[in-house]
Amino acid sequence: MRIIGLTGGIASGKTTVTRILTRLGAAVVDADQLAREAVMPGTACHRAIVGTFGAGILLPDGAIDRKALGRLIFADPAARRKLEAITHPAIASLAEQRLAALRERGEGVVFYVAPLLIEAGVSGRVDEIWVVYVDRETQLARLIARDGITREEAEQRLAAQMPMEEKAARGTVVIDNRGEPGNLERQVVTLWERHCGSGHAKNG
C-alpha cells in the first residue's frame, strides 16, 4: 500500500484538498480527526492534559476547549511541547491502527493528512509528501478570517509551524492554493488521475 502524506501550513487549504480527494474516492486517514479522538473524555490523553494544564481548559461537558488550549499553547512554546509529548504518541498509535485496517482491506493508495507531518518527525510513515502551498500573507489573511483572531495571534500560530517555503521544498508534489477554488480542484483532480488512477499506485 502506498501512503501519501498530505500536509501544509495552517489555513493553507488541506481540509479542502482532503474533501476533494475523498469525493474522488481516496482513502484518507486524518491526523486532526485522530487528535480529537485521542483527547476525548475518559482517555489517558484527556486525563494527562487536564493534569498538566488544569480544568480551566475544559468545556462544561468535560471535553477539552480546543480554542482555549490553542491560545495557551501558541503563546508558550514550552506548553506546546508538553502537549505534543502527551498527544503525539496516542495519535501515532491510532494512525497505525487505521493504516493497518486499510492495508488489510486492500487499498492501493491512502492519504495520511497531517499538518505537522514534517515537524512531528513522522514523515517516515509515508512514501511521499504532497504539500498544499500558500504564500505567507494569503495564509495570514485566511487564518484571521477563518478563526476570527488578531494578526498577532495569527503570527504566533504561523511561528509554531515550519515556514511554508521550507515545507514546499520538501514536497514531492506541491499544490498551489493561492488562486481560485476552481483552480485548486482542477489541480487535485489532475494529480489524482496522474498519480493514483483508480486507487492503485502507478509508476511515473
C-alpha atoms as a PDB file:
ATOM      1  CA  MET A   1       0.000   0.000   0.000  1.00  0.00           C
ATOM      2  CA  ARG A   2       1.330   3.394  -0.994  1.00  0.00           C
ATOM      3  CA  ILE A   3       0.909   6.097   1.666  1.00  0.00           C
ATOM      4  CA  ILE A   4       0.904   9.722   0.509  1.00  0.00           C
ATOM      5  CA  GLY A   5       1.421  12.288   3.249  1.00  0.00           C
ATOM      6  CA  LEU A   6      -0.694  15.415   2.688  1.00  0.00           C
ATOM      7  CA  THR A   7       0.483  18.440   4.643  1.00  0.00           C
ATOM      8  CA  GLY A   8       0.690  22.218   4.537  1.00  0.00           C
ATOM      9  CA  GLY A   9       0.587  25.211   6.849  1.00  0.00           C
ATOM     10  CA  ILE A  10      -2.367  26.264   8.964  1.00  0.00           C
ATOM     11  CA  ALA A  11      -5.168  27.708   6.759  1.00  0.00           C
ATOM     12  CA  SER A  12      -3.375  26.570   3.594  1.00  0.00           C
ATOM     13  CA  GLY A  13      -6.336  24.503   2.361  1.00  0.00           C
ATOM     14  CA  LYS A  14      -5.576  20.943   3.496  1.00  0.00           C
ATOM     15  CA  THR A  15      -9.200  20.378   4.533  1.00  0.00           C
ATOM     16  CA  THR A  16     -10.492  21.476   1.128  1.00  0.00           C
ATOM     17  CA  VAL A  17      -7.984  19.239  -0.678  1.00  0.00           C
ATOM     18  CA  THR A  18      -8.927  16.330   1.598  1.00  0.00           C
ATOM     19  CA  ARG A  19     -12.608  16.890   0.796  1.00  0.00           C
ATOM     20  CA  ILE A  20     -11.874  16.801  -2.962  1.00  0.00           C
ATOM     21  CA  LEU A  21      -9.775  13.623  -2.618  1.00  0.00           C
ATOM     22  CA  THR A  22     -12.496  11.931  -0.565  1.00  0.00           C
ATOM     23  CA  ARG A  23     -15.049  12.822  -3.229  1.00  0.00           C
ATOM     24  CA  LEU A  24     -12.760  11.268  -5.846  1.00  0.00           C
ATOM     25  CA  GLY A  25     -12.761   8.048  -3.824  1.00  0.00           C
ATOM     26  CA  ALA A  26      -9.471   8.349  -1.954  1.00  0.00           C
ATOM     27  CA  ALA A  27      -8.947   6.523   1.332  1.00  0.00           C
ATOM     28  CA  VAL A  28      -7.965   9.125   3.945  1.00  0.00           C
ATOM     29  CA  VAL A  29      -6.562   8.982   7.473  1.00  0.00           C
ATOM     30  CA  ASP A  30      -6.807  12.456   9.045  1.00  0.00           C
ATOM     31  CA  ALA A  31      -4.427  13.201  11.940  1.00  0.00           C
ATOM     32  CA  ASP A  32      -6.628  16.114  13.108  1.00  0.00           C
ATOM     33  CA  GLN A  33      -9.572  13.745  13.491  1.00  0.00           C
ATOM     34  CA  LEU A  34      -7.342  11.251  15.303  1.00  0.00           C
ATOM     35  CA  ALA A  35      -6.193  14.077  17.606  1.00  0.00           C
ATOM     36  CA  ARG A  36      -9.818  14.767  18.547  1.00  0.00           C
ATOM     37  CA  GLU A  37     -10.413  11.082  19.261  1.00  0.00           C
ATOM     38  CA  ALA A  38      -7.210  10.822  21.309  1.00  0.00           C
ATOM     39  CA  VAL A  39      -8.285  13.524  23.783  1.00  0.00           C
ATOM     40  CA  MET A  40     -11.936  12.580  24.303  1.00  0.00           C
ATOM     41  CA  PRO A  41     -13.126  12.470  27.934  1.00  0.00           C
ATOM     42  CA  GLY A  42     -12.146   9.193  29.555  1.00  0.00           C
ATOM     43  CA  THR A  43      -8.913   8.745  27.576  1.00  0.00           C
ATOM     44  CA  ALA A  44      -5.437   8.737  29.106  1.00  0.00           C
ATOM     45  CA  CYS A  45      -4.569  11.806  26.991  1.00  0.00           C
ATOM     46  CA  HIS A  46      -7.547  13.737  28.347  1.00  0.00           C
ATOM     47  CA  ARG A  47      -6.506  12.985  31.938  1.00  0.00           C
ATOM     48  CA  ALA A  48      -2.894  13.951  31.222  1.00  0.00           C
ATOM     49  CA  ILE A  49      -3.874  17.239  29.540  1.00  0.00           C
ATOM     50  CA  VAL A  50      -6.153  18.253  32.430  1.00  0.00           C
ATOM     51  CA  GLY A  51      -3.440  17.237  34.892  1.00  0.00           C
ATOM     52  CA  THR A  52      -0.897  19.388  33.031  1.00  0.00           C
ATOM     53  CA  PHE A  53      -2.956  22.460  32.076  1.00  0.00           C
ATOM     54  CA  GLY A  54      -5.755  22.464  34.668  1.00  0.00           C
ATOM     55  CA  ALA A  55      -9.537  22.215  34.500  1.00  0.00           C
ATOM     56  CA  GLY A  56      -9.746  25.745  33.053  1.00  0.00           C
ATOM     57  CA  ILE A  57      -9.282  24.305  29.553  1.00  0.00           C
ATOM     58  CA  LEU A  58     -12.463  22.217  29.796  1.00  0.00           C
ATOM     59  CA  LEU A  59     -15.898  22.915  28.345  1.00  0.00           C
ATOM     60  CA  PRO A  60     -18.969  22.406  30.589  1.00  0.00           C
ATOM     61  CA  ASP A  61     -19.458  18.867  29.192  1.00  0.00           C
ATOM     62  CA  GLY A  62     -15.905  17.885  30.161  1.00  0.00           C
ATOM     63  CA  ALA A  63     -14.480  17.986  26.646  1.00  0.00           C
ATOM     64  CA  ILE A  64     -11.324  19.967  26.013  1.00  0.00           C
ATOM     65  CA  ASP A  65     -11.898  23.521  24.796  1.00  0.00           C
ATOM     66  CA  ARG A  66      -9.597  23.452  21.765  1.00  0.00           C
ATOM     67  CA  LYS A  67      -9.695  27.239  21.360  1.00  0.00           C
ATOM     68  CA  ALA A  68      -8.721  27.885  24.999  1.00  0.00           C
ATOM     69  CA  LEU A  69      -5.963  25.294  24.812  1.00  0.00           C
ATOM     70  CA  GLY A  70      -4.813  26.720  21.477  1.00  0.00           C
ATOM     71  CA  ARG A  71      -4.477  30.230  22.891  1.00  0.00           C
ATOM     72  CA  LEU A  72      -2.383  28.839  25.715  1.00  0.00           C
ATOM     73  CA  ILE A  73      -0.016  26.668  23.703  1.00  0.00           C
ATOM     74  CA  PHE A  74       0.531  29.036  20.775  1.00  0.00           C
ATOM     75  CA  ALA A  75       1.649  31.745  23.202  1.00  0.00           C
ATOM     76  CA  ASP A  76       4.033  29.411  25.046  1.00  0.00           C
ATOM     77  CA  PRO A  77       6.404  27.069  23.133  1.00  0.00           C
ATOM     78  CA  ALA A  78       7.170  25.084  26.307  1.00  0.00           C
ATOM     79  CA  ALA A  79       3.453  24.432  26.849  1.00  0.00           C
ATOM     80  CA  ARG A  80       3.123  23.382  23.216  1.00  0.00           C
ATOM     81  CA  ARG A  81       5.957  20.865  23.620  1.00  0.00           C
ATOM     82  CA  LYS A  82       4.263  19.439  26.743  1.00  0.00           C
ATOM     83  CA  LEU A  83       1.007  18.984  24.840  1.00  0.00           C
ATOM     84  CA  GLU A  84       2.753  17.354  21.884  1.00  0.00           C
ATOM     85  CA  ALA A  85       4.562  14.927  24.211  1.00  0.00           C
ATOM     86  CA  ILE A  86       1.151  13.842  25.524  1.00  0.00           C
ATOM     87  CA  THR A  87      -0.771  13.654  22.240  1.00  0.00           C
ATOM     88  CA  HIS A  88       1.697  12.613  19.527  1.00  0.00           C
ATOM     89  CA  PRO A  89       2.236   9.006  20.742  1.00  0.00           C
ATOM     90  CA  ALA A  90      -1.532   8.475  21.013  1.00  0.00           C
ATOM     91  CA  ILE A  91      -2.153   9.928  17.540  1.00  0.00           C
ATOM     92  CA  ALA A  92       0.649   7.743  16.106  1.00  0.00           C
ATOM     93  CA  SER A  93      -0.911   4.638  17.653  1.00  0.00           C
ATOM     94  CA  LEU A  94      -4.365   5.434  16.234  1.00  0.00           C
ATOM     95  CA  ALA A  95      -2.815   6.193  12.820  1.00  0.00           C
ATOM     96  CA  GLU A  96      -1.075   2.824  12.714  1.00  0.00           C
ATOM     97  CA  GLN A  97      -4.354   1.074  13.576  1.00  0.00           C
ATOM     98  CA  ARG A  98      -6.231   2.873  10.758  1.00  0.00           C
ATOM     99  CA  LEU A  99      -3.472   2.303   8.203  1.00  0.00           C
ATOM    100  CA  ALA A 100      -3.273  -1.389   9.118  1.00  0.00           C
ATOM    101  CA  ALA A 101      -7.041  -1.736   8.628  1.00  0.00           C
ATOM    102  CA  LEU A 102      -6.849  -0.058   5.197  1.00  0.00           C
ATOM    103  CA  ARG A 103      -3.921  -2.282   4.204  1.00  0.00           C
ATOM    104  CA  GLU A 104      -5.955  -5.319   5.265  1.00  0.00           C
ATOM    105  CA  ARG A 105      -8.843  -4.028   3.141  1.00  0.00           C
ATOM    106  CA  GLY A 106      -6.580  -3.996   0.106  1.00  0.00           C
ATOM    107  CA  GLU A 107      -6.354  -0.235  -0.525  1.00  0.00           C
ATOM    108  CA  GLY A 108      -3.707   0.636  -3.116  1.00  0.00           C
ATOM    109  CA  VAL A 109      -3.243   4.289  -2.124  1.00  0.00           C
ATOM    110  CA  VAL A 110      -4.001   6.047   1.172  1.00  0.00           C
ATOM    111  CA  PHE A 111      -3.606   9.732   2.053  1.00  0.00           C
ATOM    112  CA  TYR A 112      -2.324  10.463   5.552  1.00  0.00           C
ATOM    113  CA  VAL A 113      -3.327  14.080   6.253  1.00  0.00           C
ATOM    114  CA  ALA A 114      -1.241  15.768   8.970  1.00  0.00           C
ATOM    115  CA  PRO A 115      -0.483  19.476   9.432  1.00  0.00           C
ATOM    116  CA  LEU A 116       2.687  18.664  11.415  1.00  0.00           C
ATOM    117  CA  LEU A 117       3.792  15.705   9.311  1.00  0.00           C
ATOM    118  CA  ILE A 118       7.328  17.062   8.913  1.00  0.00           C
ATOM    119  CA  GLU A 119       7.631  18.932  12.232  1.00  0.00           C
ATOM    120  CA  ALA A 120       6.485  15.929  14.280  1.00  0.00           C
ATOM    121  CA  GLY A 121       9.101  13.721  12.633  1.00  0.00           C
ATOM    122  CA  VAL A 122       6.583  11.241  11.226  1.00  0.00           C
ATOM    123  CA  SER A 123       7.324  11.747   7.527  1.00  0.00           C
ATOM    124  CA  GLY A 124       8.979   8.292   7.629  1.00  0.00           C
ATOM    125  CA  ARG A 125       5.453   6.855   7.876  1.00  0.00           C
ATOM    126  CA  VAL A 126       4.690   7.975   4.302  1.00  0.00           C
ATOM    127  CA  ASP A 127       6.144   7.120   0.905  1.00  0.00           C
ATOM    128  CA  GLU A 128       5.930  10.652  -0.466  1.00  0.00           C
ATOM    129  CA  ILE A 129       4.759  14.098   0.621  1.00  0.00           C
ATOM    130  CA  TRP A 130       2.223  16.386  -1.052  1.00  0.00           C
ATOM    131  CA  VAL A 131       2.247  19.968   0.224  1.00  0.00           C
ATOM    132  CA  VAL A 132      -0.689  22.391  -0.039  1.00  0.00           C
ATOM    133  CA  TYR A 133       1.020  25.761  -0.523  1.00  0.00           C
ATOM    134  CA  VAL A 134       0.002  29.389   0.002  1.00  0.00           C
ATOM    135  CA  ASP A 135       2.210  32.435   0.461  1.00  0.00           C
ATOM    136  CA  ARG A 136       2.552  33.873   3.970  1.00  0.00           C
ATOM    137  CA  GLU A 137       0.307  36.942   3.506  1.00  0.00           C
ATOM    138  CA  THR A 138      -2.506  34.878   1.993  1.00  0.00           C
ATOM    139  CA  GLN A 139      -2.112  32.373   4.814  1.00  0.00           C
ATOM    140  CA  LEU A 140      -2.333  35.110   7.465  1.00  0.00           C
ATOM    141  CA  ALA A 141      -5.388  36.714   5.848  1.00  0.00           C
ATOM    142  CA  ARG A 142      -7.223  33.378   5.587  1.00  0.00           C
ATOM    143  CA  LEU A 143      -6.347  32.386   9.154  1.00  0.00           C
ATOM    144  CA  ILE A 144      -7.545  35.722  10.591  1.00  0.00           C
ATOM    145  CA  ALA A 145     -10.798  35.486   8.609  1.00  0.00           C
ATOM    146  CA  ARG A 146     -11.377  31.806   9.425  1.00  0.00           C
ATOM    147  CA  ASP A 147     -10.683  31.882  13.173  1.00  0.00           C
ATOM    148  CA  GLY A 148     -11.630  35.478  13.968  1.00  0.00           C
ATOM    149  CA  ILE A 149      -8.283  36.141  15.637  1.00  0.00           C
ATOM    150  CA  THR A 150      -5.907  39.104  15.653  1.00  0.00           C
ATOM    151  CA  ARG A 151      -2.916  39.369  13.341  1.00  0.00           C
ATOM    152  CA  GLU A 152      -0.641  38.908  16.370  1.00  0.00           C
ATOM    153  CA  GLU A 153      -2.391  35.634  17.277  1.00  0.00           C
ATOM    154  CA  ALA A 154      -2.187  34.512  13.650  1.00  0.00           C
ATOM    155  CA  GLU A 155       1.557  35.305  13.576  1.00  0.00           C
ATOM    156  CA  GLN A 156       2.037  33.190  16.726  1.00  0.00           C
ATOM    157  CA  ARG A 157       0.329  30.226  15.076  1.00  0.00           C
ATOM    158  CA  LEU A 158       2.436  30.518  11.949  1.00  0.00           C
ATOM    159  CA  ALA A 159       5.580  30.766  14.072  1.00  0.00           C
ATOM    160  CA  ALA A 160       4.709  27.401  15.644  1.00  0.00           C
ATOM    161  CA  GLN A 161       4.996  25.692  12.250  1.00  0.00           C
ATOM    162  CA  MET A 162       7.698  25.244   9.669  1.00  0.00           C
ATOM    163  CA  PRO A 163       7.636  28.118   7.104  1.00  0.00           C
ATOM    164  CA  MET A 164       5.590  27.301   4.010  1.00  0.00           C
ATOM    165  CA  GLU A 165       8.567  27.796   1.667  1.00  0.00           C
ATOM    166  CA  GLU A 166      10.554  25.173   3.579  1.00  0.00           C
ATOM    167  CA  LYS A 167       7.613  22.757   3.580  1.00  0.00           C
ATOM    168  CA  ALA A 168       7.116  23.200  -0.156  1.00  0.00           C
ATOM    169  CA  ALA A 169      10.804  22.428  -0.735  1.00  0.00           C
ATOM    170  CA  ARG A 170      10.304  19.042   0.950  1.00  0.00           C
ATOM    171  CA  GLY A 171       7.256  18.078  -1.062  1.00  0.00           C
ATOM    172  CA  THR A 172       7.276  15.523  -3.870  1.00  0.00           C
ATOM    173  CA  VAL A 173       4.211  17.371  -5.163  1.00  0.00           C
ATOM    174  CA  VAL A 174       3.244  20.996  -4.412  1.00  0.00           C
ATOM    175  CA  ILE A 175      -0.415  22.013  -4.737  1.00  0.00           C
ATOM    176  CA  ASP A 176      -0.669  25.782  -5.239  1.00  0.00           C
ATOM    177  CA  ASN A 177      -3.700  27.170  -3.396  1.00  0.00           C
ATOM    178  CA  ARG A 178      -3.112  30.886  -3.970  1.00  0.00           C
ATOM    179  CA  GLY A 179      -5.775  31.135  -6.652  1.00  0.00           C
ATOM    180  CA  GLU A 180      -9.486  30.471  -7.031  1.00  0.00           C
ATOM    181  CA  PRO A 181     -11.186  27.351  -5.598  1.00  0.00           C
ATOM    182  CA  GLY A 182     -11.842  26.041  -9.102  1.00  0.00           C
ATOM    183  CA  ASN A 183      -8.126  26.106  -9.859  1.00  0.00           C
ATOM    184  CA  LEU A 184      -7.381  24.115  -6.703  1.00  0.00           C
ATOM    185  CA  GLU A 185      -9.935  21.466  -7.642  1.00  0.00           C
ATOM    186  CA  ARG A 186      -8.519  21.128 -11.162  1.00  0.00           C
ATOM    187  CA  GLN A 187      -5.021  20.596  -9.745  1.00  0.00           C
ATOM    188  CA  VAL A 188      -6.180  17.933  -7.289  1.00  0.00           C
ATOM    189  CA  VAL A 189      -8.230  16.052  -9.905  1.00  0.00           C
ATOM    190  CA  THR A 190      -5.266  16.085 -12.324  1.00  0.00           C
ATOM    191  CA  LEU A 191      -2.878  14.844  -9.607  1.00  0.00           C
ATOM    192  CA  TRP A 192      -5.310  12.117  -8.574  1.00  0.00           C
ATOM    193  CA  GLU A 193      -5.668  10.880 -12.148  1.00  0.00           C
ATOM    194  CA  ARG A 194      -1.936  11.071 -12.825  1.00  0.00           C
ATOM    195  CA  HIS A 195      -0.622   9.548  -9.595  1.00  0.00           C
ATOM    196  CA  CYS A 196      -3.421   7.413  -8.216  1.00  0.00           C
ATOM    197  CA  GLY A 197      -5.590   6.366 -11.147  1.00  0.00           C
ATOM    198  CA  SER A 198      -8.330   4.058  -9.967  1.00  0.00           C
ATOM    199  CA  GLY A 199      -6.826   3.880  -6.488  1.00  0.00           C
ATOM    200  CA  HIS A 200      -3.799   1.743  -7.334  1.00  0.00           C
ATOM    201  CA  ALA A 201      -0.253   3.026  -7.406  1.00  0.00           C
ATOM    202  CA  LYS A 202       1.094   3.934 -10.830  1.00  0.00           C
ATOM    203  CA  ASN A 203       4.665   4.422 -11.896  1.00  0.00           C
ATOM    204  CA  GLY A 204       5.837   7.769 -13.209  1.00  0.00           C
END
